[in-house]
Amino acid sequence: RKAWTETTKPANGALLEGTWDPASGAMRTSAHVTFNADGTSIGTDGCNAFAARWAIGEGGWLLTTSGASTMIGCEGAPIPMWVATAQRAGLDGSTLVLFAHDGAELGRLARS
């Protein structure tokens, strides 16, 4: 798995806000996440809806809380898990990359 590198640009609130889709791979579902300016986020893996709260600090350090979610089997991208477990967010060009606590890459998202 890829990791945070010196070329990763730390995200901030203004960069994170908006709707993001999986950056690659054909999805049979409409997986996405929307980070709202008020610190809430909503999204889906394509079958299961989720809601959460988020805050981002200097260096792209990300704090998220899990909210309500449904639990239906799905062939979509695991965006709810990426958001719930991400501890850092950065940009690789225009692609949003979410990273785990150990710096390992969780997933890549492209702005809708």
PDB file of N, CA and C in Angstrom:
ATOM      1  N   ARG A   1       0.834  -1.193   0.000  1.00  0.00           N
ATOM      2  CA  ARG A   1       0.000   0.000   0.000  1.00  0.00           C
ATOM      3  C   ARG A   1       0.865   1.238   0.000  1.00  0.00           C
ATOM      4  N   LYS A   2       0.392   2.261  -0.658  1.00  0.00           N
ATOM      5  CA  LYS A   2       1.134   3.516  -0.714  1.00  0.00           C
ATOM      6  C   LYS A   2       1.039   4.238   0.616  1.00  0.00           C
ATOM      7  N   ALA A   3       1.963   5.150   0.835  1.00  0.00           N
ATOM      8  CA  ALA A   3       2.005   5.887   2.097  1.00  0.00           C
ATOM      9  C   ALA A   3       2.173   7.372   1.815  1.00  0.00           C
ATOM     10  N   TRP A   4       1.949   8.177   2.853  1.00  0.00           N
ATOM     11  CA  TRP A   4       2.166   9.624   2.796  1.00  0.00           C
ATOM     12  C   TRP A   4       3.610   9.876   2.395  1.00  0.00           C
ATOM     13  N   THR A   5       3.827  10.784   1.458  1.00  0.00           N
ATOM     14  CA  THR A   5       5.185  11.112   1.025  1.00  0.00           C
ATOM     15  C   THR A   5       5.398  12.615   1.111  1.00  0.00           C
ATOM     16  N   GLU A   6       6.617  13.030   0.860  1.00  0.00           N
ATOM     17  CA  GLU A   6       6.956  14.455   0.899  1.00  0.00           C
ATOM     18  C   GLU A   6       6.204  15.240  -0.175  1.00  0.00           C
ATOM     19  N   THR A   7       5.757  14.580  -1.237  1.00  0.00           N
ATOM     20  CA  THR A   7       5.061  15.280  -2.317  1.00  0.00           C
ATOM     21  C   THR A   7       3.554  15.384  -2.078  1.00  0.00           C
ATOM     22  N   THR A   8       3.053  14.725  -1.027  1.00  0.00           N
ATOM     23  CA  THR A   8       1.631  14.824  -0.699  1.00  0.00           C
ATOM     24  C   THR A   8       1.364  16.192  -0.083  1.00  0.00           C
ATOM     25  N   LYS A   9       0.414  16.925  -0.649  1.00  0.00           N
ATOM     26  CA  LYS A   9       0.050  18.240  -0.126  1.00  0.00           C
ATOM     27  C   LYS A   9      -1.034  18.061   0.939  1.00  0.00           C
ATOM     28  N   PRO A  10      -0.784  18.491   2.177  1.00  0.00           N
ATOM     29  CA  PRO A  10      -1.804  18.344   3.215  1.00  0.00           C
ATOM     30  C   PRO A  10      -3.097  19.064   2.833  1.00  0.00           C
ATOM     31  N   ALA A  11      -4.210  18.414   3.053  1.00  0.00           N
ATOM     32  CA  ALA A  11      -5.510  19.034   2.792  1.00  0.00           C
ATOM     33  C   ALA A  11      -5.855  19.991   3.928  1.00  0.00           C
ATOM     34  N   ASN A  12      -6.740  20.925   3.634  1.00  0.00           N
ATOM     35  CA  ASN A  12      -7.316  21.795   4.659  1.00  0.00           C
ATOM     36  C   ASN A  12      -8.824  21.809   4.429  1.00  0.00           C
ATOM     37  N   GLY A  13      -9.543  22.499   5.272  1.00  0.00           N
ATOM     38  CA  GLY A  13     -10.996  22.502   5.168  1.00  0.00           C
ATOM     39  C   GLY A  13     -11.516  22.953   3.820  1.00  0.00           C
ATOM     40  N   ALA A  14     -10.951  24.025   3.278  1.00  0.00           N
ATOM     41  CA  ALA A  14     -11.413  24.546   1.993  1.00  0.00           C
ATOM     42  C   ALA A  14     -11.176  23.540   0.874  1.00  0.00           C
ATOM     43  N   LEU A  15     -10.071  22.826   0.928  1.00  0.00           N
ATOM     44  CA  LEU A  15      -9.780  21.824  -0.101  1.00  0.00           C
ATOM     45  C   LEU A  15     -10.636  20.575   0.057  1.00  0.00           C
ATOM     46  N   LEU A  16     -10.957  20.218   1.288  1.00  0.00           N
ATOM     47  CA  LEU A  16     -11.711  18.999   1.559  1.00  0.00           C
ATOM     48  C   LEU A  16     -13.194  19.147   1.229  1.00  0.00           C
ATOM     49  N   GLU A  17     -13.740  20.339   1.435  1.00  0.00           N
ATOM     50  CA  GLU A  17     -15.175  20.560   1.238  1.00  0.00           C
ATOM     51  C   GLU A  17     -15.599  20.232  -0.185  1.00  0.00           C
ATOM     52  N   GLY A  18     -16.752  19.597  -0.286  1.00  0.00           N
ATOM     53  CA  GLY A  18     -17.311  19.243  -1.578  1.00  0.00           C
ATOM     54  C   GLY A  18     -17.589  17.758  -1.662  1.00  0.00           C
ATOM     55  N   THR A  19     -17.982  17.318  -2.843  1.00  0.00           N
ATOM     56  CA  THR A  19     -18.325  15.919  -3.071  1.00  0.00           C
ATOM     57  C   THR A  19     -17.206  15.220  -3.815  1.00  0.00           C
ATOM     58  N   TRP A  20     -16.893  14.011  -3.347  1.00  0.00           N
ATOM     59  CA  TRP A  20     -15.790  13.219  -3.883  1.00  0.00           C
ATOM     60  C   TRP A  20     -16.292  11.822  -4.236  1.00  0.00           C
ATOM     61  N   ASP A  21     -15.820  11.309  -5.377  1.00  0.00           N
ATOM     62  CA  ASP A  21     -16.143   9.973  -5.865  1.00  0.00           C
ATOM     63  C   ASP A  21     -14.872   9.135  -5.886  1.00  0.00           C
ATOM     64  N   PRO A  22     -14.987   7.806  -5.981  1.00  0.00           N
ATOM     65  CA  PRO A  22     -13.778   6.987  -6.115  1.00  0.00           C
ATOM     66  C   PRO A  22     -12.955   7.463  -7.317  1.00  0.00           C
ATOM     67  N   ALA A  23     -11.653   7.547  -7.143  1.00  0.00           N
ATOM     68  CA  ALA A  23     -10.783   8.093  -8.192  1.00  0.00           C
ATOM     69  C   ALA A  23     -10.563   7.130  -9.343  1.00  0.00           C
ATOM     70  N   SER A  24     -10.726   5.848  -9.109  1.00  0.00           N
ATOM     71  CA  SER A  24     -10.493   4.896 -10.197  1.00  0.00           C
ATOM     72  C   SER A  24     -11.398   3.691 -10.029  1.00  0.00           C
ATOM     73  N   GLY A  25     -11.495   2.933 -11.087  1.00  0.00           N
ATOM     74  CA  GLY A  25     -12.306   1.729 -11.059  1.00  0.00           C
ATOM     75  C   GLY A  25     -13.746   2.018 -11.406  1.00  0.00           C
ATOM     76  N   ALA A  26     -14.294   1.204 -12.244  1.00  0.00           N
ATOM     77  CA  ALA A  26     -15.697   1.345 -12.618  1.00  0.00           C
ATOM     78  C   ALA A  26     -16.562   0.893 -11.451  1.00  0.00           C
ATOM     79  N   MET A  27     -17.461   1.735 -11.032  1.00  0.00           N
ATOM     80  CA  MET A  27     -18.363   1.414  -9.930  1.00  0.00           C
ATOM     81  C   MET A  27     -19.750   1.130 -10.493  1.00  0.00           C
ATOM     82  N   ARG A  28     -20.340   0.061 -10.014  1.00  0.00           N
ATOM     83  CA  ARG A  28     -21.711  -0.258 -10.405  1.00  0.00           C
ATOM     84  C   ARG A  28     -22.700   0.539  -9.564  1.00  0.00           C
ATOM     85  N   THR A  29     -22.183   1.284  -8.620  1.00  0.00           N
ATOM     86  CA  THR A  29     -23.016   2.067  -7.713  1.00  0.00           C
ATOM     87  C   THR A  29     -22.516   3.511  -7.708  1.00  0.00           C
ATOM     88  N   SER A  30     -23.219   4.381  -7.036  1.00  0.00           N
ATOM     89  CA  SER A  30     -22.846   5.803  -6.993  1.00  0.00           C
ATOM     90  C   SER A  30     -22.138   6.153  -5.682  1.00  0.00           C
ATOM     91  N   ALA A  31     -21.056   5.462  -5.378  1.00  0.00           N
ATOM     92  CA  ALA A  31     -20.304   5.713  -4.147  1.00  0.00           C
ATOM     93  C   ALA A  31     -19.758   7.141  -4.150  1.00  0.00           C
ATOM     94  N   HIS A  32     -19.865   7.818  -3.005  1.00  0.00           N
ATOM     95  CA  HIS A  32     -19.339   9.182  -2.874  1.00  0.00           C
ATOM     96  C   HIS A  32     -19.373   9.616  -1.406  1.00  0.00           C
ATOM     97  N   VAL A  33     -18.696  10.718  -1.132  1.00  0.00           N
ATOM     98  CA  VAL A  33     -18.785  11.376   0.167  1.00  0.00           C
ATOM     99  C   VAL A  33     -18.828  12.881  -0.082  1.00  0.00           C
ATOM    100  N   THR A  34     -19.615  13.582   0.717  1.00  0.00           N
ATOM    101  CA  THR A  34     -19.659  15.047   0.671  1.00  0.00           C
ATOM    102  C   THR A  34     -19.220  15.571   2.025  1.00  0.00           C
ATOM    103  N   PHE A  35     -18.155  16.374   2.032  1.00  0.00           N
ATOM    104  CA  PHE A  35     -17.683  17.059   3.229  1.00  0.00           C
ATOM    105  C   PHE A  35     -18.272  18.463   3.200  1.00  0.00           C
ATOM    106  N   ASN A  36     -19.148  18.765   4.155  1.00  0.00           N
ATOM    107  CA  ASN A  36     -19.800  20.070   4.223  1.00  0.00           C
ATOM    108  C   ASN A  36     -18.995  21.048   5.075  1.00  0.00           C
ATOM    109  N   ALA A  37     -19.148  22.335   4.795  1.00  0.00           N
ATOM    110  CA  ALA A  37     -18.418  23.390   5.506  1.00  0.00           C
ATOM    111  C   ALA A  37     -18.740  23.414   6.995  1.00  0.00           C
ATOM    112  N   ASP A  38     -19.903  22.893   7.399  1.00  0.00           N
ATOM    113  CA  ASP A  38     -20.284  22.917   8.815  1.00  0.00           C
ATOM    114  C   ASP A  38     -19.686  21.760   9.618  1.00  0.00           C
ATOM    115  N   GLY A  39     -18.806  20.965   8.989  1.00  0.00           N
ATOM    116  CA  GLY A  39     -18.159  19.872   9.700  1.00  0.00           C
ATOM    117  C   GLY A  39     -18.933  18.565   9.670  1.00  0.00           C
ATOM    118  N   THR A  40     -19.985  18.503   8.879  1.00  0.00           N
ATOM    119  CA  THR A  40     -20.704  17.248   8.705  1.00  0.00           C
ATOM    120  C   THR A  40     -20.303  16.621   7.377  1.00  0.00           C
ATOM    121  N   SER A  41     -20.483  15.327   7.291  1.00  0.00           N
ATOM    122  CA  SER A  41     -20.276  14.646   6.018  1.00  0.00           C
ATOM    123  C   SER A  41     -21.362  13.606   5.847  1.00  0.00           C
ATOM    124  N   ILE A  42     -21.727  13.382   4.591  1.00  0.00           N
ATOM    125  CA  ILE A  42     -22.700  12.367   4.240  1.00  0.00           C
ATOM    126  C   ILE A  42     -22.177  11.642   3.013  1.00  0.00           C
ATOM    127  N   GLY A  43     -22.620  10.426   2.821  1.00  0.00           N
ATOM    128  CA  GLY A  43     -22.181   9.712   1.642  1.00  0.00           C
ATOM    129  C   GLY A  43     -22.745   8.315   1.597  1.00  0.00           C
ATOM    130  N   THR A  44     -22.161   7.520   0.694  1.00  0.00           N
ATOM    131  CA  THR A  44     -22.608   6.154   0.493  1.00  0.00           C
ATOM    132  C   THR A  44     -21.514   5.338  -0.158  1.00  0.00           C
ATOM    133  N   ASP A  45     -21.548   4.037   0.093  1.00  0.00           N
ATOM    134  CA  ASP A  45     -20.671   3.128  -0.643  1.00  0.00           C
ATOM    135  C   ASP A  45     -21.382   2.655  -1.906  1.00  0.00           C
ATOM    136  N   GLY A  46     -22.562   3.177  -2.131  1.00  0.00           N
ATOM    137  CA  GLY A  46     -23.393   2.821  -3.264  1.00  0.00           C
ATOM    138  C   GLY A  46     -24.657   2.114  -2.829  1.00  0.00           C
ATOM    139  N   CYS A  47     -24.641   1.525  -1.634  1.00  0.00           N
ATOM    140  CA  CYS A  47     -25.811   0.827  -1.088  1.00  0.00           C
ATOM    141  C   CYS A  47     -26.149   1.306   0.315  1.00  0.00           C
ATOM    142  N   ASN A  48     -25.133   1.646   1.088  1.00  0.00           N
ATOM    143  CA  ASN A  48     -25.300   2.031   2.489  1.00  0.00           C
ATOM    144  C   ASN A  48     -25.021   3.514   2.675  1.00  0.00           C
ATOM    145  N   ALA A  49     -25.975   4.226   3.211  1.00  0.00           N
ATOM    146  CA  ALA A  49     -25.787   5.640   3.502  1.00  0.00           C
ATOM    147  C   ALA A  49     -25.074   5.791   4.841  1.00  0.00           C
ATOM    148  N   PHE A  50     -24.302   6.879   4.973  1.00  0.00           N
ATOM    149  CA  PHE A  50     -23.674   7.176   6.264  1.00  0.00           C
ATOM    150  C   PHE A  50     -23.641   8.674   6.478  1.00  0.00           C
ATOM    151  N   ALA A  51     -23.530   9.046   7.740  1.00  0.00           N
ATOM    152  CA  ALA A  51     -23.388  10.447   8.141  1.00  0.00           C
ATOM    153  C   ALA A  51     -22.326  10.494   9.228  1.00  0.00           C
ATOM    154  N   ALA A  52     -21.546  11.554   9.240  1.00  0.00           N
ATOM    155  CA  ALA A  52     -20.461  11.680  10.218  1.00  0.00           C
ATOM    156  C   ALA A  52     -20.141  13.151  10.431  1.00  0.00           C
ATOM    157  N   ARG A  53     -19.193  13.402  11.310  1.00  0.00           N
ATOM    158  CA  ARG A  53     -18.666  14.752  11.535  1.00  0.00           C
ATOM    159  C   ARG A  53     -17.172  14.694  11.274  1.00  0.00           C
ATOM    160  N   TRP A  54     -16.597  15.843  10.898  1.00  0.00           N
ATOM    161  CA  TRP A  54     -15.166  15.885  10.619  1.00  0.00           C
ATOM    162  C   TRP A  54     -14.569  17.235  11.013  1.00  0.00           C
ATOM    163  N   ALA A  55     -13.283  17.209  11.271  1.00  0.00           N
ATOM    164  CA  ALA A  55     -12.491  18.428  11.502  1.00  0.00           C
ATOM    165  C   ALA A  55     -11.095  18.120  10.972  1.00  0.00           C
ATOM    166  N   ILE A  56     -10.451  19.131  10.426  1.00  0.00           N
ATOM    167  CA  ILE A  56      -9.110  18.922   9.879  1.00  0.00           C
ATOM    168  C   ILE A  56      -8.174  19.986  10.432  1.00  0.00           C
ATOM    169  N   GLY A  57      -6.987  19.560  10.792  1.00  0.00           N
ATOM    170  CA  GLY A  57      -6.001  20.462  11.368  1.00  0.00           C
ATOM    171  C   GLY A  57      -4.817  20.666  10.449  1.00  0.00           C
ATOM    172  N   GLU A  58      -3.852  21.398  10.957  1.00  0.00           N
ATOM    173  CA  GLU A  58      -2.632  21.673  10.216  1.00  0.00           C
ATOM    174  C   GLU A  58      -1.951  20.360   9.833  1.00  0.00           C
ATOM    175  N   GLY A  59      -1.393  20.320   8.650  1.00  0.00           N
ATOM    176  CA  GLY A  59      -0.702  19.126   8.183  1.00  0.00           C
ATOM    177  C   GLY A  59      -1.628  18.052   7.654  1.00  0.00           C
ATOM    178  N   GLY A  60      -2.924  18.374   7.513  1.00  0.00           N
ATOM    179  CA  GLY A  60      -3.876  17.403   6.986  1.00  0.00           C
ATOM    180  C   GLY A  60      -4.366  16.388   7.997  1.00  0.00           C
ATOM    181  N   TRP A  61      -4.077  16.615   9.293  1.00  0.00           N
ATOM    182  CA  TRP A  61      -4.542  15.675  10.322  1.00  0.00           C
ATOM    183  C   TRP A  61      -6.050  15.756  10.407  1.00  0.00           C
ATOM    184  N   LEU A  62      -6.697  14.616  10.284  1.00  0.00           N
ATOM    185  CA  LEU A  62      -8.148  14.534  10.152  1.00  0.00           C
ATOM    186  C   LEU A  62      -8.750  13.789  11.336  1.00  0.00           C
ATOM    187  N   LEU A  63      -9.823  14.350  11.870  1.00  0.00           N
ATOM    188  CA  LEU A  63     -10.586  13.701  12.925  1.00  0.00           C
ATOM    189  C   LEU A  63     -11.991  13.494  12.389  1.00  0.00           C
ATOM    190  N   THR A  64     -12.465  12.263  12.425  1.00  0.00           N
ATOM    191  CA  THR A  64     -13.827  11.969  11.993  1.00  0.00           C
ATOM    192  C   THR A  64     -14.541  11.188  13.083  1.00  0.00           C
ATOM    193  N   THR A  65     -15.846  11.341  13.123  1.00  0.00           N
ATOM    194  CA  THR A  65     -16.668  10.534  14.008  1.00  0.00           C
ATOM    195  C   THR A  65     -17.684   9.813  13.148  1.00  0.00           C
ATOM    196  N   SER A  66     -17.941   8.583  13.475  1.00  0.00           N
ATOM    197  CA  SER A  66     -18.930   7.811  12.728  1.00  0.00           C
ATOM    198  C   SER A  66     -20.312   8.139  13.244  1.00  0.00           C
ATOM    199  N   GLY A  67     -21.236   8.226  12.326  1.00  0.00           N
ATOM    200  CA  GLY A  67     -22.622   8.460  12.687  1.00  0.00           C
ATOM    201  C   GLY A  67     -23.467   7.294  12.229  1.00  0.00           C
ATOM    202  N   ALA A  68     -24.696   7.581  11.924  1.00  0.00           N
ATOM    203  CA  ALA A  68     -25.624   6.554  11.482  1.00  0.00           C
ATOM    204  C   ALA A  68     -25.188   5.967  10.145  1.00  0.00           C
ATOM    205  N   SER A  69     -25.452   4.680   9.972  1.00  0.00           N
ATOM    206  CA  SER A  69     -25.131   4.001   8.723  1.00  0.00           C
ATOM    207  C   SER A  69     -26.037   2.796   8.573  1.00  0.00           C
ATOM    208  N   THR A  70     -26.270   2.405   7.329  1.00  0.00           N
ATOM    209  CA  THR A  70     -26.998   1.167   7.072  1.00  0.00           C
ATOM    210  C   THR A  70     -25.979   0.067   6.782  1.00  0.00           C
ATOM    211  N   MET A  71     -26.421  -1.183   6.744  1.00  0.00           N
ATOM    212  CA  MET A  71     -25.503  -2.316   6.588  1.00  0.00           C
ATOM    213  C   MET A  71     -26.027  -3.308   5.551  1.00  0.00           C
ATOM    214  N   ILE A  72     -25.983  -2.925   4.287  1.00  0.00           N
ATOM    215  CA  ILE A  72     -26.430  -3.788   3.208  1.00  0.00           C
ATOM    216  C   ILE A  72     -25.195  -4.211   2.413  1.00  0.00           C
ATOM    217  N   GLY A  73     -25.110  -5.469   2.000  1.00  0.00           N
ATOM    218  CA  GLY A  73     -23.998  -5.919   1.171  1.00  0.00           C
ATOM    219  C   GLY A  73     -23.965  -5.146  -0.140  1.00  0.00           C
ATOM    220  N   CYS A  74     -22.769  -4.813  -0.612  1.00  0.00           N
ATOM    221  CA  CYS A  74     -22.671  -3.918  -1.748  1.00  0.00           C
ATOM    222  C   CYS A  74     -21.357  -4.134  -2.496  1.00  0.00           C
ATOM    223  N   GLU A  75     -21.355  -3.851  -3.800  1.00  0.00           N
ATOM    224  CA  GLU A  75     -20.141  -3.924  -4.601  1.00  0.00           C
ATOM    225  C   GLU A  75     -19.556  -2.538  -4.845  1.00  0.00           C
ATOM    226  N   GLY A  76     -19.884  -1.574  -4.029  1.00  0.00           N
ATOM    227  CA  GLY A  76     -19.366  -0.219  -4.180  1.00  0.00           C
ATOM    228  C   GLY A  76     -18.025  -0.055  -3.495  1.00  0.00           C
ATOM    229  N   ALA A  77     -17.502   1.154  -3.525  1.00  0.00           N
ATOM    230  CA  ALA A  77     -16.236   1.474  -2.857  1.00  0.00           C
ATOM    231  C   ALA A  77     -16.485   1.633  -1.358  1.00  0.00           C
ATOM    232  N   PRO A  78     -15.566   1.186  -0.503  1.00  0.00           N
ATOM    233  CA  PRO A  78     -15.762   1.247   0.952  1.00  0.00           C
ATOM    234  C   PRO A  78     -15.508   2.648   1.529  1.00  0.00           C
ATOM    235  N   ILE A  79     -16.116   3.643   0.931  1.00  0.00           N
ATOM    236  CA  ILE A  79     -15.905   5.027   1.365  1.00  0.00           C
ATOM    237  C   ILE A  79     -16.281   5.247   2.828  1.00  0.00           C
ATOM    238  N   PRO A  80     -17.385   4.683   3.345  1.00  0.00           N
ATOM    239  CA  PRO A  80     -17.675   4.895   4.767  1.00  0.00           C
ATOM    240  C   PRO A  80     -16.530   4.433   5.672  1.00  0.00           C
ATOM    241  N   MET A  81     -15.908   3.307   5.366  1.00  0.00           N
ATOM    242  CA  MET A  81     -14.789   2.810   6.160  1.00  0.00           C
ATOM    243  C   MET A  81     -13.578   3.733   5.996  1.00  0.00           C
ATOM    244  N   TRP A  82     -13.319   4.192   4.769  1.00  0.00           N
ATOM    245  CA  TRP A  82     -12.189   5.102   4.548  1.00  0.00           C
ATOM    246  C   TRP A  82     -12.341   6.347   5.413  1.00  0.00           C
ATOM    247  N   VAL A  83     -13.539   6.948   5.384  1.00  0.00           N
ATOM    248  CA  VAL A  83     -13.778   8.187   6.138  1.00  0.00           C
ATOM    249  C   VAL A  83     -13.695   7.926   7.646  1.00  0.00           C
ATOM    250  N   ALA A  84     -14.295   6.842   8.106  1.00  0.00           N
ATOM    251  CA  ALA A  84     -14.323   6.547   9.542  1.00  0.00           C
ATOM    252  C   ALA A  84     -12.944   6.263  10.116  1.00  0.00           C
ATOM    253  N   THR A  85     -12.049   5.704   9.320  1.00  0.00           N
ATOM    254  CA  THR A  85     -10.739   5.310   9.842  1.00  0.00           C
ATOM    255  C   THR A  85      -9.603   6.253   9.425  1.00  0.00           C
ATOM    256  N   ALA A  86      -9.881   7.199   8.547  1.00  0.00           N
ATOM    257  CA  ALA A  86      -8.832   8.124   8.100  1.00  0.00           C
ATOM    258  C   ALA A  86      -8.368   9.020   9.235  1.00  0.00           C
ATOM    259  N   GLN A  87      -7.063   9.241   9.292  1.00  0.00           N
ATOM    260  CA  GLN A  87      -6.513  10.163  10.273  1.00  0.00           C
ATOM    261  C   GLN A  87      -5.700  11.272   9.623  1.00  0.00           C
ATOM    262  N   ARG A  88      -5.582  11.205   8.297  1.00  0.00           N
ATOM    263  CA  ARG A  88      -4.877  12.272   7.583  1.00  0.00           C
ATOM    264  C   ARG A  88      -5.422  12.332   6.170  1.00  0.00           C
ATOM    265  N   ALA A  89      -5.476  13.534   5.613  1.00  0.00           N
ATOM    266  CA  ALA A  89      -5.970  13.736   4.256  1.00  0.00           C
ATOM    267  C   ALA A  89      -4.986  14.620   3.500  1.00  0.00           C
ATOM    268  N   GLY A  90      -4.689  14.224   2.286  1.00  0.00           N
ATOM    269  CA  GLY A  90      -3.773  15.000   1.470  1.00  0.00           C
ATOM    270  C   GLY A  90      -4.171  14.946   0.015  1.00  0.00           C
ATOM    271  N   LEU A  91      -3.513  15.781  -0.775  1.00  0.00           N
ATOM    272  CA  LEU A  91      -3.781  15.821  -2.200  1.00  0.00           C
ATOM    273  C   LEU A  91      -2.562  15.334  -2.968  1.00  0.00           C
ATOM    274  N   ASP A  92      -2.829  14.469  -3.939  1.00  0.00           N
ATOM    275  CA  ASP A  92      -1.843  14.018  -4.901  1.00  0.00           C
ATOM    276  C   ASP A  92      -2.323  14.598  -6.221  1.00  0.00           C
ATOM    277  N   GLY A  93      -1.808  15.774  -6.587  1.00  0.00           N
ATOM    278  CA  GLY A  93      -2.385  16.523  -7.695  1.00  0.00           C
ATOM    279  C   GLY A  93      -3.755  17.001  -7.273  1.00  0.00           C
ATOM    280  N   SER A  94      -4.786  16.601  -8.015  1.00  0.00           N
ATOM    281  CA  SER A  94      -6.158  16.982  -7.648  1.00  0.00           C
ATOM    282  C   SER A  94      -6.905  15.826  -6.990  1.00  0.00           C
ATOM    283  N   THR A  95      -6.228  14.735  -6.716  1.00  0.00           N
ATOM    284  CA  THR A  95      -6.841  13.561  -6.104  1.00  0.00           C
ATOM    285  C   THR A  95      -6.712  13.625  -4.586  1.00  0.00           C
ATOM    286  N   LEU A  96      -7.829  13.464  -3.886  1.00  0.00           N
ATOM    287  CA  LEU A  96      -7.835  13.420  -2.427  1.00  0.00           C
ATOM    288  C   LEU A  96      -7.431  12.019  -1.999  1.00  0.00           C
ATOM    289  N   VAL A  97      -6.453  11.931  -1.108  1.00  0.00           N
ATOM    290  CA  VAL A  97      -5.987  10.641  -0.614  1.00  0.00           C
ATOM    291  C   VAL A  97      -6.213  10.612   0.897  1.00  0.00           C
ATOM    292  N   LEU A  98      -6.882   9.555   1.370  1.00  0.00           N
ATOM    293  CA  LEU A  98      -7.123   9.369   2.799  1.00  0.00           C
ATOM    294  C   LEU A  98      -6.148   8.331   3.327  1.00  0.00           C
ATOM    295  N   PHE A  99      -5.553   8.630   4.497  1.00  0.00           N
ATOM    296  CA  PHE A  99      -4.521   7.782   5.080  1.00  0.00           C
ATOM    297  C   PHE A  99      -4.926   7.298   6.466  1.00  0.00           C
ATOM    298  N   ALA A 100      -4.495   6.081   6.809  1.00  0.00           N
ATOM    299  CA  ALA A 100      -4.731   5.482   8.121  1.00  0.00           C
ATOM    300  C   ALA A 100      -3.754   6.063   9.138  1.00  0.00           C
ATOM    301  N   HIS A 101      -3.914   5.675  10.400  1.00  0.00           N
ATOM    302  CA  HIS A 101      -3.062   6.170  11.489  1.00  0.00           C
ATOM    303  C   HIS A 101      -1.597   5.850  11.261  1.00  0.00           C
ATOM    304  N   ASP A 102      -1.295   4.758  10.557  1.00  0.00           N
ATOM    305  CA  ASP A 102       0.094   4.375  10.311  1.00  0.00           C
ATOM    306  C   ASP A 102       0.657   4.969   9.031  1.00  0.00           C
ATOM    307  N   GLY A 103      -0.106   5.845   8.369  1.00  0.00           N
ATOM    308  CA  GLY A 103       0.345   6.483   7.143  1.00  0.00           C
ATOM    309  C   GLY A 103       0.033   5.702   5.886  1.00  0.00           C
ATOM    310  N   ALA A 104      -0.549   4.501   6.013  1.00  0.00           N
ATOM    311  CA  ALA A 104      -0.896   3.696   4.844  1.00  0.00           C
ATOM    312  C   ALA A 104      -2.114   4.300   4.138  1.00  0.00           C
ATOM    313  N   GLU A 105      -2.102   4.246   2.843  1.00  0.00           N
ATOM    314  CA  GLU A 105      -3.194   4.783   2.047  1.00  0.00           C
ATOM    315  C   GLU A 105      -4.451   3.919   2.185  1.00  0.00           C
ATOM    316  N   LEU A 106      -5.587   4.581   2.455  1.00  0.00           N
ATOM    317  CA  LEU A 106      -6.868   3.889   2.529  1.00  0.00           C
ATOM    318  C   LEU A 106      -7.595   3.931   1.195  1.00  0.00           C
ATOM    319  N   GLY A 107      -7.628   5.098   0.566  1.00  0.00           N
ATOM    320  CA  GLY A 107      -8.361   5.242  -0.681  1.00  0.00           C
ATOM    321  C   GLY A 107      -8.117   6.588  -1.331  1.00  0.00           C
ATOM    322  N   ARG A 108      -8.477   6.658  -2.615  1.00  0.00           N
ATOM    323  CA  ARG A 108      -8.316   7.865  -3.424  1.00  0.00           C
ATOM    324  C   ARG A 108      -9.666   8.309  -3.965  1.00  0.00           C
ATOM    325  N   LEU A 109      -9.883   9.614  -3.906  1.00  0.00           N
ATOM    326  CA  LEU A 109     -11.157  10.193  -4.336  1.00  0.00           C
ATOM    327  C   LEU A 109     -10.909  11.346  -5.300  1.00  0.00           C
ATOM    328  N   ALA A 110     -11.817  11.480  -6.276  1.00  0.00           N
ATOM    329  CA  ALA A 110     -11.763  12.579  -7.237  1.00  0.00           C
ATOM    330  C   ALA A 110     -12.971  13.475  -7.029  1.00  0.00           C
ATOM    331  N   ARG A 111     -12.763  14.775  -7.157  1.00  0.00           N
ATOM    332  CA  ARG A 111     -13.869  15.723  -6.967  1.00  0.00           C
ATOM    333  C   ARG A 111     -14.933  15.491  -8.037  1.00  0.00           C
ATOM    334  N   SER A 112     -16.204  15.491  -7.593  1.00  0.00           N
ATOM    335  CA  SER A 112     -17.330  15.304  -8.520  1.00  0.00           C
ATOM    336  C   SER A 112     -17.499  16.517  -9.394  1.00  0.00           C
TER     337      SER A 112
END
